[in-house]
């Protein structure tokens, strides 16, 4: 009996670690803001120290999903998608295939793995939803969203960075009667589905908003911003939001009752006020001054920061009114994250900048050029345990950001 108890005690800490360890796109709150301390506030001239790199990922634009256990990302070779798992020393632990990937235009993997404990979840560009074991890459379950939920593939491949809450996994097939679905993440079985007026998916990744007495899922479909009750799948509201090609890859940002969304192709940004019970939303302001393609934005201290595609500017907007406070023609277009009040901007031309947003302007503190990889620089940066993870197509680079190491 004592031996059994000791064995259980050895297992429990590992189970507890896995149950708490979540890695998802754009940081712990999906808003691009990381919360680490002790990072360099100025980089060496050639950039932070490169700890390790891997150059054989194949084609892909996904970020790294980093946990205490390892580093996970994806790539495509000869039209097939693979998940790669590394330890924190850069050793490849396993490489596991999951089927055909998107190779028709802007080739490569699109969606960053979503890791919860010892399970990894991924949506392929061809609409296959998979659950893998993080320890060896074996597929636990899979769902063909096209066949089972009528998902309609998109001009640039299905793209979504998945969202989970407890034992529920949310995704957006964009089927005529299954716009958004909730699945049991342990089995892949359907919990509910919501039609969303029959709209297609639009490359957007959903967020969960926690209100006083409910949770709601918010995403952007091809023609509208929409909100769904996370428990029941009931459609709460939609708000018209269209652009030329139904391209909405920038994840919404929520803060204190306000919802910010942004898109390129002549649309720009919009701010909505969500009612206290989540049942409705109304427009507060719109602006054409910030229109990233897929680089997202970050918001803190009453301001919004992002890069514009139409004007190639790094821009600061006022959260409350949408007014452009200042801008600079550098590092744009590109993706953006933040940590401890500083911006980390990854331009599509392959330059990474550490930027301080001031009261009336940007201070470009440090920059360096990404030395490896090929093709477009579309992956978003990741910060984890004082390291910066940079993806450039076939290459993954890991840099040391620690102030004292």
Protein backbone atom coordinates (compact mmCIF):
# COMPACT_ATOMS: atom_id res chain seq x y z
CA UNK A 1 0.00 0.00 0.00
CA UNK A 2 2.86 2.38 0.88
CA UNK A 3 4.43 1.68 -2.52
CA UNK A 4 1.15 2.56 -4.25
CA UNK A 5 0.83 5.83 -2.32
CA UNK A 6 4.41 6.81 -3.17
CA UNK A 7 3.78 6.09 -6.84
CA UNK A 8 0.64 8.24 -6.80
CA UNK A 9 2.54 11.08 -5.13
CA UNK A 10 5.16 10.92 -7.90
CA UNK A 11 2.49 11.03 -10.59
CA UNK A 12 0.42 13.86 -9.14
CA UNK A 13 2.98 16.68 -9.50
CA UNK A 14 3.43 15.81 -13.19
CA UNK A 15 -0.31 15.71 -13.73
CA UNK A 16 -0.68 19.04 -11.95
CA UNK A 17 2.03 20.57 -14.14
CA UNK A 18 0.40 19.33 -17.33
CA UNK A 19 -3.05 20.44 -16.18
CA UNK A 20 -1.81 24.01 -15.68
CA UNK A 21 0.58 24.36 -18.63
CA UNK A 22 -1.13 26.14 -21.54
CA UNK A 23 0.57 27.61 -24.59
CA UNK A 24 -1.50 29.58 -27.05
CA UNK A 25 -1.07 32.08 -29.86
CA UNK A 26 -0.16 35.66 -28.82
CA UNK A 27 0.55 34.94 -25.20
CA UNK A 28 -1.24 33.98 -21.99
CA UNK A 29 -4.29 36.19 -22.67
CA UNK A 30 -4.21 35.98 -26.50
CA UNK A 31 -3.70 39.77 -26.68
CA UNK A 32 -0.02 39.89 -27.62
CA UNK A 33 1.06 41.06 -24.15
CA UNK A 34 3.60 39.02 -22.21
CA UNK A 35 4.28 39.47 -18.51
CA UNK A 36 7.93 38.66 -17.91
CA UNK A 37 10.41 40.63 -15.83
CA UNK A 38 14.20 40.92 -16.03
CA UNK A 39 14.44 41.25 -19.81
CA UNK A 40 17.03 43.31 -21.67
CA UNK A 41 15.84 46.87 -22.28
CA UNK A 42 18.52 47.38 -24.92
CA UNK A 43 20.02 44.79 -27.25
CA UNK A 44 23.60 44.37 -28.46
CA UNK A 45 24.27 45.90 -31.89
CA UNK A 46 23.82 42.56 -33.67
CA UNK A 47 20.82 41.58 -31.55
CA UNK A 48 20.38 39.34 -28.51
CA UNK A 49 22.50 36.22 -28.18
CA UNK A 50 21.27 33.36 -30.38
CA UNK A 51 20.89 30.29 -28.10
CA UNK A 52 19.85 27.71 -30.70
CA UNK A 53 18.18 27.39 -34.07
CA UNK A 54 16.63 24.76 -36.30
CA UNK A 55 16.58 25.10 -40.08
CA UNK A 56 14.53 22.14 -41.29
CA UNK A 57 10.92 23.00 -40.55
CA UNK A 58 9.79 23.23 -44.16
CA UNK A 59 7.31 25.88 -45.29
CA UNK A 60 5.20 27.62 -42.67
CA UNK A 61 4.17 30.87 -41.02
CA UNK A 62 3.23 29.59 -37.56
CA UNK A 63 4.67 30.75 -34.27
CA UNK A 64 6.15 28.52 -31.59
CA UNK A 65 3.99 27.17 -28.76
CA UNK A 66 6.28 27.08 -25.73
CA UNK A 67 5.60 25.27 -22.46
CA UNK A 68 7.72 24.27 -19.48
CA UNK A 69 8.09 20.88 -21.16
CA UNK A 70 9.14 21.92 -24.66
CA UNK A 71 8.72 23.90 -27.87
CA UNK A 72 6.18 22.97 -30.56
CA UNK A 73 5.67 24.32 -34.06
CA UNK A 74 4.66 23.15 -37.54
CA UNK A 75 5.97 23.00 -41.09
CA UNK A 76 5.10 21.59 -44.52
CA UNK A 77 7.28 19.38 -46.73
CA UNK A 78 6.11 18.02 -50.10
CA UNK A 79 2.56 19.13 -49.37
CA UNK A 80 2.34 17.31 -46.02
CA UNK A 81 2.05 18.95 -42.60
CA UNK A 82 4.23 18.05 -39.63
CA UNK A 83 4.37 19.03 -35.95
CA UNK A 84 7.88 19.41 -34.50
CA UNK A 85 8.68 19.05 -30.79
CA UNK A 86 11.96 20.30 -29.27
CA UNK A 87 13.35 20.39 -25.77
CA UNK A 88 14.65 23.69 -24.42
CA UNK A 89 18.20 22.87 -25.53
CA UNK A 90 17.03 22.75 -29.14
CA UNK A 91 17.08 18.98 -29.55
CA UNK A 92 14.40 17.63 -31.87
CA UNK A 93 12.35 15.16 -29.82
CA UNK A 94 9.90 14.08 -32.49
CA UNK A 95 8.35 15.02 -35.83
CA UNK A 96 4.83 13.83 -36.52
CA UNK A 97 2.80 14.08 -39.72
CA UNK A 98 -0.91 14.87 -39.79
CA UNK A 99 -1.83 14.90 -43.48
CA UNK A 100 -2.08 17.30 -46.42
CA UNK A 101 -1.38 20.99 -45.85
CA UNK A 102 -2.09 24.14 -47.83
CA UNK A 103 0.16 24.38 -50.91
CA UNK A 104 -1.92 26.38 -53.40
CA UNK A 105 -0.78 29.94 -52.56
CA UNK A 106 1.34 31.44 -49.80
CA UNK A 107 2.30 27.83 -49.15
CA UNK A 108 2.87 26.36 -45.72
CA UNK A 109 1.36 25.78 -42.32
CA UNK A 110 -0.86 28.52 -40.94
CA UNK A 111 -2.12 27.80 -37.43
CA UNK A 112 0.07 27.75 -34.31
CA UNK A 113 -0.35 24.67 -32.08
CA UNK A 114 -2.53 25.12 -29.00
CA UNK A 115 -1.13 23.12 -26.09
CA UNK A 116 -3.02 22.20 -22.92
CA UNK A 117 -1.11 19.94 -20.56
CA UNK A 118 0.06 16.91 -22.52
CA UNK A 119 -2.30 17.50 -25.44
CA UNK A 120 -1.61 19.51 -28.60
CA UNK A 121 -4.42 20.81 -30.83
CA UNK A 122 -4.12 22.08 -34.38
CA UNK A 123 -6.26 23.03 -37.37
CA UNK A 124 -4.65 22.37 -40.75
CA UNK A 125 -5.02 24.61 -43.78
CA UNK A 126 -7.14 21.86 -45.32
CA UNK A 127 -9.62 21.85 -42.42
CA UNK A 128 -8.43 18.87 -40.41
CA UNK A 129 -8.63 19.29 -36.64
CA UNK A 130 -6.24 17.09 -34.69
CA UNK A 131 -5.35 16.27 -31.10
CA UNK A 132 -1.84 14.90 -30.46
CA UNK A 133 0.02 13.50 -27.47
CA UNK A 134 2.81 15.97 -26.65
CA UNK A 135 5.13 13.22 -25.49
CA UNK A 136 5.39 11.37 -28.81
CA UNK A 137 3.23 13.11 -31.44
CA UNK A 138 0.71 10.29 -31.76
CA UNK A 139 -2.71 11.42 -32.96
CA UNK A 140 -5.35 10.83 -30.26
CA UNK A 141 -8.32 11.99 -32.31
CA UNK A 142 -9.03 13.95 -35.46
CA UNK A 143 -12.04 15.61 -37.09
CA UNK A 144 -12.48 16.44 -40.76
CA UNK A 145 -14.24 19.81 -40.48
CA UNK A 146 -15.11 19.88 -44.19
CA UNK A 147 -16.81 16.48 -44.17
CA UNK A 148 -18.39 16.57 -40.71
CA UNK A 149 -19.34 20.25 -40.34
CA UNK A 150 -19.53 21.57 -43.89
CA UNK A 151 -16.48 23.82 -43.55
CA UNK A 152 -15.80 25.74 -46.74
CA UNK A 153 -12.17 26.18 -47.51
CA UNK A 154 -10.91 29.70 -48.08
CA UNK A 155 -8.90 31.47 -50.73
CA UNK A 156 -5.73 31.20 -48.65
CA UNK A 157 -6.45 28.03 -46.68
CA UNK A 158 -8.29 27.58 -43.40
CA UNK A 159 -6.51 29.42 -40.62
CA UNK A 160 -7.34 29.57 -36.93
CA UNK A 161 -5.37 29.55 -33.70
CA UNK A 162 -7.60 27.44 -31.50
CA UNK A 163 -9.14 28.44 -28.18
CA UNK A 164 -9.93 26.23 -25.19
CA UNK A 165 -11.53 26.65 -21.78
CA UNK A 166 -11.44 23.74 -19.37
CA UNK A 167 -12.42 20.61 -21.30
CA UNK A 168 -13.98 22.54 -24.19
CA UNK A 169 -12.24 23.35 -27.48
CA UNK A 170 -13.69 26.07 -29.71
CA UNK A 171 -13.15 26.45 -33.45
CA UNK A 172 -14.73 28.07 -36.48
CA UNK A 173 -15.48 25.75 -39.43
CA UNK A 174 -17.65 28.37 -41.12
CA UNK A 175 -20.15 25.78 -42.32
CA UNK A 176 -23.64 26.86 -43.37
CA UNK A 177 -25.08 25.48 -40.13
CA UNK A 178 -21.87 25.25 -38.09
CA UNK A 179 -20.19 28.63 -38.07
CA UNK A 180 -18.64 28.07 -34.63
CA UNK A 181 -18.52 24.77 -32.79
CA UNK A 182 -17.58 23.62 -29.28
CA UNK A 183 -16.01 20.18 -28.88
CA UNK A 184 -15.01 18.02 -25.94
CA UNK A 185 -11.26 18.44 -26.21
CA UNK A 186 -10.63 14.97 -24.78
CA UNK A 187 -12.69 13.14 -27.39
CA UNK A 188 -13.43 15.58 -30.25
CA UNK A 189 -17.18 15.01 -29.79
CA UNK A 190 -19.58 17.88 -30.50
CA UNK A 191 -20.93 19.87 -27.54
CA UNK A 192 -22.78 22.55 -29.52
CA UNK A 193 -22.76 24.38 -32.82
CA UNK A 194 -23.86 27.88 -33.83
CA UNK A 195 -24.83 28.84 -37.36
CA UNK A 196 -23.66 32.54 -37.35
CA UNK A 197 -26.07 33.41 -40.16
CA UNK A 198 -24.37 30.88 -42.44
CA UNK A 199 -21.21 33.00 -42.79
CA UNK A 200 -17.85 31.55 -43.77
CA UNK A 201 -14.82 31.65 -41.51
CA UNK A 202 -12.41 34.52 -42.23
CA UNK A 203 -8.97 33.48 -40.87
CA UNK A 204 -9.76 34.97 -37.45
CA UNK A 205 -8.87 33.41 -34.09
CA UNK A 206 -11.54 33.71 -31.36
CA UNK A 207 -11.24 35.17 -27.88
CA UNK A 208 -13.19 34.43 -24.71
CA UNK A 209 -14.64 37.36 -22.77
CA UNK A 210 -15.51 36.71 -19.14
CA UNK A 211 -18.41 38.85 -17.94
CA UNK A 212 -20.03 38.92 -14.52
CA UNK A 213 -22.35 35.97 -15.06
CA UNK A 214 -21.30 34.41 -18.38
CA UNK A 215 -18.53 33.73 -20.85
CA UNK A 216 -18.84 34.72 -24.48
CA UNK A 217 -16.84 33.77 -27.57
CA UNK A 218 -16.04 36.61 -29.97
CA UNK A 219 -14.59 36.28 -33.47
CA UNK A 220 -14.84 37.84 -36.92
CA UNK A 221 -16.56 35.96 -39.74
CA UNK A 222 -16.55 36.96 -43.41
CA UNK A 223 -19.07 39.79 -42.98
CA UNK A 224 -19.40 40.51 -39.27
CA UNK A 225 -18.00 40.56 -35.78
CA UNK A 226 -20.03 38.09 -33.74
CA UNK A 227 -20.54 36.94 -30.15
CA UNK A 228 -21.75 33.53 -28.98
CA UNK A 229 -22.66 32.27 -25.50
CA UNK A 230 -19.77 29.95 -24.59
CA UNK A 231 -22.00 27.60 -22.59
CA UNK A 232 -24.93 27.15 -24.95
CA UNK A 233 -23.75 28.22 -28.40
CA UNK A 234 -26.56 30.77 -28.68
CA UNK A 235 -25.81 33.68 -31.02
CA UNK A 236 -25.85 36.88 -28.95
CA UNK A 237 -25.16 39.54 -31.60
CA UNK A 238 -23.41 40.39 -34.84
CA UNK A 239 -22.01 43.71 -36.08
CA UNK A 240 -21.33 44.30 -39.79
CA UNK A 241 -17.61 44.43 -40.57
CA UNK A 242 -16.56 43.66 -44.14
CA UNK A 243 -13.56 44.10 -46.38
CA UNK A 244 -12.85 43.31 -50.02
CA UNK A 245 -11.75 39.68 -49.73
CA UNK A 246 -13.30 38.69 -46.36
CA UNK A 247 -9.84 38.59 -44.77
CA UNK A 248 -9.90 39.11 -40.97
CA UNK A 249 -6.81 37.45 -39.45
CA UNK A 250 -6.26 40.01 -36.66
CA UNK A 251 -7.51 38.73 -33.32
CA UNK A 252 -9.94 41.07 -31.45
CA UNK A 253 -8.79 42.83 -28.28
CA UNK A 254 -11.13 43.19 -25.30
CA UNK A 255 -10.71 45.40 -22.24
CA UNK A 256 -13.24 46.56 -19.66
CA UNK A 257 -16.36 46.36 -21.80
CA UNK A 258 -14.70 47.62 -25.00
CA UNK A 259 -13.84 45.51 -28.05
CA UNK A 260 -11.25 46.57 -30.63
CA UNK A 261 -11.04 44.99 -34.09
CA UNK A 262 -8.83 45.89 -37.04
CA UNK A 263 -8.39 44.83 -40.67
CA UNK A 264 -6.69 45.96 -43.86
CA UNK A 265 -8.07 46.37 -47.40
CA UNK A 266 -9.66 49.75 -46.75
CA UNK A 267 -11.47 48.89 -43.53
CA UNK A 268 -9.21 49.99 -40.70
CA UNK A 269 -10.22 49.79 -37.04
CA UNK A 270 -13.45 49.74 -35.06
CA UNK A 271 -14.28 49.98 -31.36
CA UNK A 272 -17.46 48.44 -29.95
CA UNK A 273 -19.03 48.80 -26.51
CA UNK A 274 -20.39 45.50 -25.22
CA UNK A 275 -23.34 45.55 -22.85
CA UNK A 276 -22.81 44.35 -19.28
CA UNK A 277 -24.65 41.09 -19.93
CA UNK A 278 -22.97 40.53 -23.31
CA UNK A 279 -26.26 40.49 -25.20
CA UNK A 280 -25.52 43.45 -27.48
CA UNK A 281 -22.80 45.74 -28.84
CA UNK A 282 -22.76 49.23 -30.30
CA UNK A 283 -20.20 51.14 -32.34
CA UNK A 284 -18.13 53.75 -30.48
CA UNK A 285 -15.65 54.85 -33.16
CA UNK A 286 -13.94 53.82 -36.40
CA UNK A 287 -10.57 54.77 -37.86
CA UNK A 288 -8.69 54.06 -41.08
CA UNK A 289 -5.35 54.96 -39.49
CA UNK A 290 -4.42 51.43 -38.41
CA UNK A 291 -4.91 48.52 -40.82
CA UNK A 292 -2.50 45.59 -40.34
CA UNK A 293 -2.75 42.62 -42.69
CA UNK A 294 -2.10 39.86 -40.17
CA UNK A 295 0.30 41.42 -37.64
CA UNK A 296 -2.27 42.22 -34.98
CA UNK A 297 -2.11 45.05 -32.45
CA UNK A 298 -1.50 45.49 -28.72
CA UNK A 299 -3.28 47.82 -26.30
CA UNK A 300 -2.27 49.06 -22.87
CA UNK A 301 -2.34 52.29 -20.83
CA UNK A 302 -5.19 53.71 -22.92
CA UNK A 303 -3.39 53.35 -26.25
CA UNK A 304 -3.33 50.94 -29.21
CA UNK A 305 -0.16 50.09 -31.14
CA UNK A 306 0.15 48.40 -34.50
CA UNK A 307 1.50 48.67 -38.03
CA UNK A 308 -0.49 49.94 -40.98
CA UNK A 309 -0.46 48.27 -44.38
CA UNK A 310 -1.86 51.12 -46.48
CA UNK A 311 0.60 53.71 -45.13
CA UNK A 312 3.50 51.52 -43.88
CA UNK A 313 3.56 53.25 -40.48
CA UNK A 314 3.97 52.12 -36.90
CA UNK A 315 1.03 53.88 -35.29
CA UNK A 316 -0.33 54.80 -31.86
CA UNK A 317 -4.09 55.33 -31.50
CA UNK A 318 -6.08 56.62 -28.55
CA UNK A 319 -8.15 53.75 -27.12
CA UNK A 320 -11.14 55.91 -26.24
CA UNK A 321 -11.53 57.95 -29.41
CA UNK A 322 -9.47 56.30 -32.15
CA UNK A 323 -7.43 59.43 -32.82
CA UNK A 324 -3.92 58.93 -34.17
CA UNK A 325 -1.60 60.26 -31.48
CA UNK A 326 1.65 59.70 -33.39
CA UNK A 327 3.31 57.43 -35.95
CA UNK A 328 6.63 56.67 -37.62
CA UNK A 329 7.51 55.17 -40.99
CA UNK A 330 9.59 52.22 -39.84
CA UNK A 331 9.23 48.50 -39.07
CA UNK A 332 5.93 48.44 -40.94
CA UNK A 333 4.10 46.44 -42.01
CA UNK A 334 4.74 43.73 -39.48
CA UNK A 335 3.55 41.91 -36.38
CA UNK A 336 3.69 43.29 -32.85
CA UNK A 337 3.76 42.05 -29.27
CA UNK A 338 4.60 43.78 -25.97
CA UNK A 339 6.26 43.08 -22.63
CA UNK A 340 6.81 45.35 -19.63
CA UNK A 341 5.82 48.50 -21.52
CA UNK A 342 8.05 47.88 -24.55
CA UNK A 343 7.00 46.88 -28.06
CA UNK A 344 8.60 44.05 -30.03
CA UNK A 345 7.95 44.65 -33.73
CA UNK A 346 8.77 42.06 -36.40
CA UNK A 347 8.64 43.70 -39.81
CA UNK A 348 7.74 41.83 -42.98
CA UNK A 349 11.18 42.81 -44.30
CA UNK A 350 12.83 40.75 -41.58
CA UNK A 351 13.92 43.39 -39.08
CA UNK A 352 13.01 43.09 -35.39
CA UNK A 353 12.78 46.23 -33.29
CA UNK A 354 12.61 46.93 -29.57
CA UNK A 355 10.53 50.08 -29.30
CA UNK A 356 9.58 52.33 -26.40
CA UNK A 357 6.22 54.09 -26.87
CA UNK A 358 6.48 57.51 -25.28
CA UNK A 359 4.00 60.25 -24.50
CA UNK A 360 4.38 61.82 -27.94
CA UNK A 361 6.44 59.45 -30.08
CA UNK A 362 8.28 56.17 -30.54
CA UNK A 363 11.86 55.59 -29.42
CA UNK A 364 13.50 52.86 -31.50
CA UNK A 365 15.87 51.40 -28.90
CA UNK A 366 17.41 48.47 -30.80
CA UNK A 367 16.99 46.54 -34.03
CA UNK A 368 18.52 43.50 -35.71
CA UNK A 369 17.96 41.55 -38.91
CA UNK A 370 16.65 37.99 -38.82
CA UNK A 371 19.58 35.95 -40.17
CA UNK A 372 17.91 32.69 -41.26
CA UNK A 373 14.95 31.45 -43.22
CA UNK A 374 13.39 32.53 -46.49
CA UNK A 375 10.23 34.07 -47.89
CA UNK A 376 7.69 36.28 -46.06
CA UNK A 377 8.17 37.21 -42.39
CA UNK A 378 4.61 36.59 -41.14
CA UNK A 379 5.01 34.55 -37.96
CA UNK A 380 4.40 36.35 -34.66
CA UNK A 381 7.10 36.63 -32.02
CA UNK A 382 6.89 34.67 -28.75
CA UNK A 383 8.43 35.43 -25.36
CA UNK A 384 8.80 32.63 -22.82
CA UNK A 385 11.14 32.28 -19.84
CA UNK A 386 13.30 35.22 -20.95
CA UNK A 387 13.70 33.89 -24.48
CA UNK A 388 12.51 35.32 -27.79
CA UNK A 389 11.23 32.80 -30.36
CA UNK A 390 11.46 33.93 -33.99
CA UNK A 391 10.01 31.90 -36.87
CA UNK A 392 10.96 32.60 -40.48
CA UNK A 393 9.51 29.96 -42.77
CA UNK A 394 11.84 26.92 -42.51
CA UNK A 395 13.86 28.34 -39.59
CA UNK A 396 13.18 28.72 -35.86
CA UNK A 397 15.58 30.92 -33.87
CA UNK A 398 15.70 31.28 -30.08
CA UNK A 399 17.34 34.35 -28.50
CA UNK A 400 18.37 35.12 -24.94
CA UNK A 401 16.55 38.17 -23.51
CA UNK A 402 17.70 37.79 -19.90
CA UNK A 403 19.12 40.97 -18.37
CA UNK A 404 21.52 39.13 -16.08
CA UNK A 405 22.64 35.73 -17.30
